[in-house]
Amino acid sequence: MHRQEPTDPAADSGTVVEGVAHYVLPRPHPTALECRLLWTSLGLGAKLLEVADELAGSLRPA
């Protein structure tokens, strides 16, 4: 899930954060792992999305 949102939705102005969340389902466990990355440098969004995707794809069970 990729999105941008204000840090304080009730405020008229403020910082906007961009981020992505990956949900990883470990096979031997009935629960999920949430891997969430957030950043405020919106100009770096495309590159940071690539990093987040790579990070989530590299997760392996111990």
C-alpha atoms as a PDB file:
ATOM      1  CA  MET A   1       0.000   0.000   0.000  1.00  0.00           C
ATOM      2  CA  HIS A   2       1.515   3.324  -1.076  1.00  0.00           C
ATOM      3  CA  ARG A   3       0.127   6.692  -0.006  1.00  0.00           C
ATOM      4  CA  GLN A   4       0.752  10.287   1.015  1.00  0.00           C
ATOM      5  CA  GLU A   5      -0.940  11.856   4.010  1.00  0.00           C
ATOM      6  CA  PRO A   6      -0.609  14.850   6.344  1.00  0.00           C
ATOM      7  CA  THR A   7       0.972  14.184   9.715  1.00  0.00           C
ATOM      8  CA  ASP A   8      -1.890  16.116  11.334  1.00  0.00           C
ATOM      9  CA  PRO A   9      -5.075  15.813   9.214  1.00  0.00           C
ATOM     10  CA  ALA A  10      -6.904  18.328  11.437  1.00  0.00           C
ATOM     11  CA  ALA A  11      -4.372  21.107  10.691  1.00  0.00           C
ATOM     12  CA  ASP A  12      -4.655  23.420   7.681  1.00  0.00           C
ATOM     13  CA  SER A  13      -0.937  23.058   7.022  1.00  0.00           C
ATOM     14  CA  GLY A  14       1.810  20.766   8.120  1.00  0.00           C
ATOM     15  CA  THR A  15       4.140  18.061   7.007  1.00  0.00           C
ATOM     16  CA  VAL A  16       3.090  15.516   4.429  1.00  0.00           C
ATOM     17  CA  VAL A  17       4.578  12.054   4.718  1.00  0.00           C
ATOM     18  CA  GLU A  18       4.790   9.486   1.977  1.00  0.00           C
ATOM     19  CA  GLY A  19       5.167   5.830   2.628  1.00  0.00           C
ATOM     20  CA  VAL A  20       4.596   2.260   1.724  1.00  0.00           C
ATOM     21  CA  ALA A  21       3.522  -0.751   3.747  1.00  0.00           C
ATOM     22  CA  HIS A  22       4.214  -4.352   2.828  1.00  0.00           C
ATOM     23  CA  TYR A  23       2.501  -7.227   4.567  1.00  0.00           C
ATOM     24  CA  VAL A  24       4.551 -10.408   4.725  1.00  0.00           C
ATOM     25  CA  LEU A  25       2.898 -13.725   5.550  1.00  0.00           C
ATOM     26  CA  PRO A  26       5.423 -16.110   7.121  1.00  0.00           C
ATOM     27  CA  ARG A  27       4.395 -19.636   6.109  1.00  0.00           C
ATOM     28  CA  PRO A  28       4.830 -21.447   9.434  1.00  0.00           C
ATOM     29  CA  HIS A  29       3.008 -18.714  11.413  1.00  0.00           C
ATOM     30  CA  PRO A  30      -0.661 -17.637  11.335  1.00  0.00           C
ATOM     31  CA  THR A  31       0.222 -13.948  11.680  1.00  0.00           C
ATOM     32  CA  ALA A  32       1.504 -11.269   9.324  1.00  0.00           C
ATOM     33  CA  LEU A  33       4.511  -8.979   9.543  1.00  0.00           C
ATOM     34  CA  GLU A  34       3.969  -5.343   8.589  1.00  0.00           C
ATOM     35  CA  CYS A  35       7.000  -3.616   7.084  1.00  0.00           C
ATOM     36  CA  ARG A  36       6.242   0.124   6.896  1.00  0.00           C
ATOM     37  CA  LEU A  37       8.584   2.836   5.653  1.00  0.00           C
ATOM     38  CA  LEU A  38       7.685   6.543   5.871  1.00  0.00           C
ATOM     39  CA  TRP A  39       9.549   9.611   4.628  1.00  0.00           C
ATOM     40  CA  THR A  40       9.043  13.355   4.300  1.00  0.00           C
ATOM     41  CA  SER A  41      11.286  13.918   1.245  1.00  0.00           C
ATOM     42  CA  LEU A  42       8.515  13.612  -1.336  1.00  0.00           C
ATOM     43  CA  GLY A  43      10.935  14.203  -4.212  1.00  0.00           C
ATOM     44  CA  LEU A  44      12.668  10.927  -3.354  1.00  0.00           C
ATOM     45  CA  GLY A  45       9.438   8.923  -3.386  1.00  0.00           C
ATOM     46  CA  ALA A  46      10.075   6.846  -6.508  1.00  0.00           C
ATOM     47  CA  LYS A  47      13.552   5.784  -5.371  1.00  0.00           C
ATOM     48  CA  LEU A  48      12.454   5.087  -1.802  1.00  0.00           C
ATOM     49  CA  LEU A  49       9.578   2.955  -3.094  1.00  0.00           C
ATOM     50  CA  GLU A  50      12.140   0.837  -4.942  1.00  0.00           C
ATOM     51  CA  VAL A  51      14.173   0.463  -1.743  1.00  0.00           C
ATOM     52  CA  ALA A  52      11.062  -0.497   0.242  1.00  0.00           C
ATOM     53  CA  ASP A  53      10.051  -3.089  -2.360  1.00  0.00           C
ATOM     54  CA  GLU A  54      13.561  -4.551  -2.375  1.00  0.00           C
ATOM     55  CA  LEU A  55      13.647  -4.667   1.422  1.00  0.00           C
ATOM     56  CA  ALA A  56      10.283  -6.423   1.689  1.00  0.00           C
ATOM     57  CA  GLY A  57      11.281  -8.887  -1.041  1.00  0.00           C
ATOM     58  CA  SER A  58      14.470  -9.788   0.802  1.00  0.00           C
ATOM     59  CA  LEU A  59      12.763 -10.915   4.012  1.00  0.00           C
ATOM     60  CA  ARG A  60      13.364 -14.598   4.714  1.00  0.00           C
ATOM     61  CA  PRO A  61      12.466 -16.753   7.712  1.00  0.00           C
ATOM     62  CA  ALA A  62      15.251 -17.348  10.193  1.00  0.00           C
END
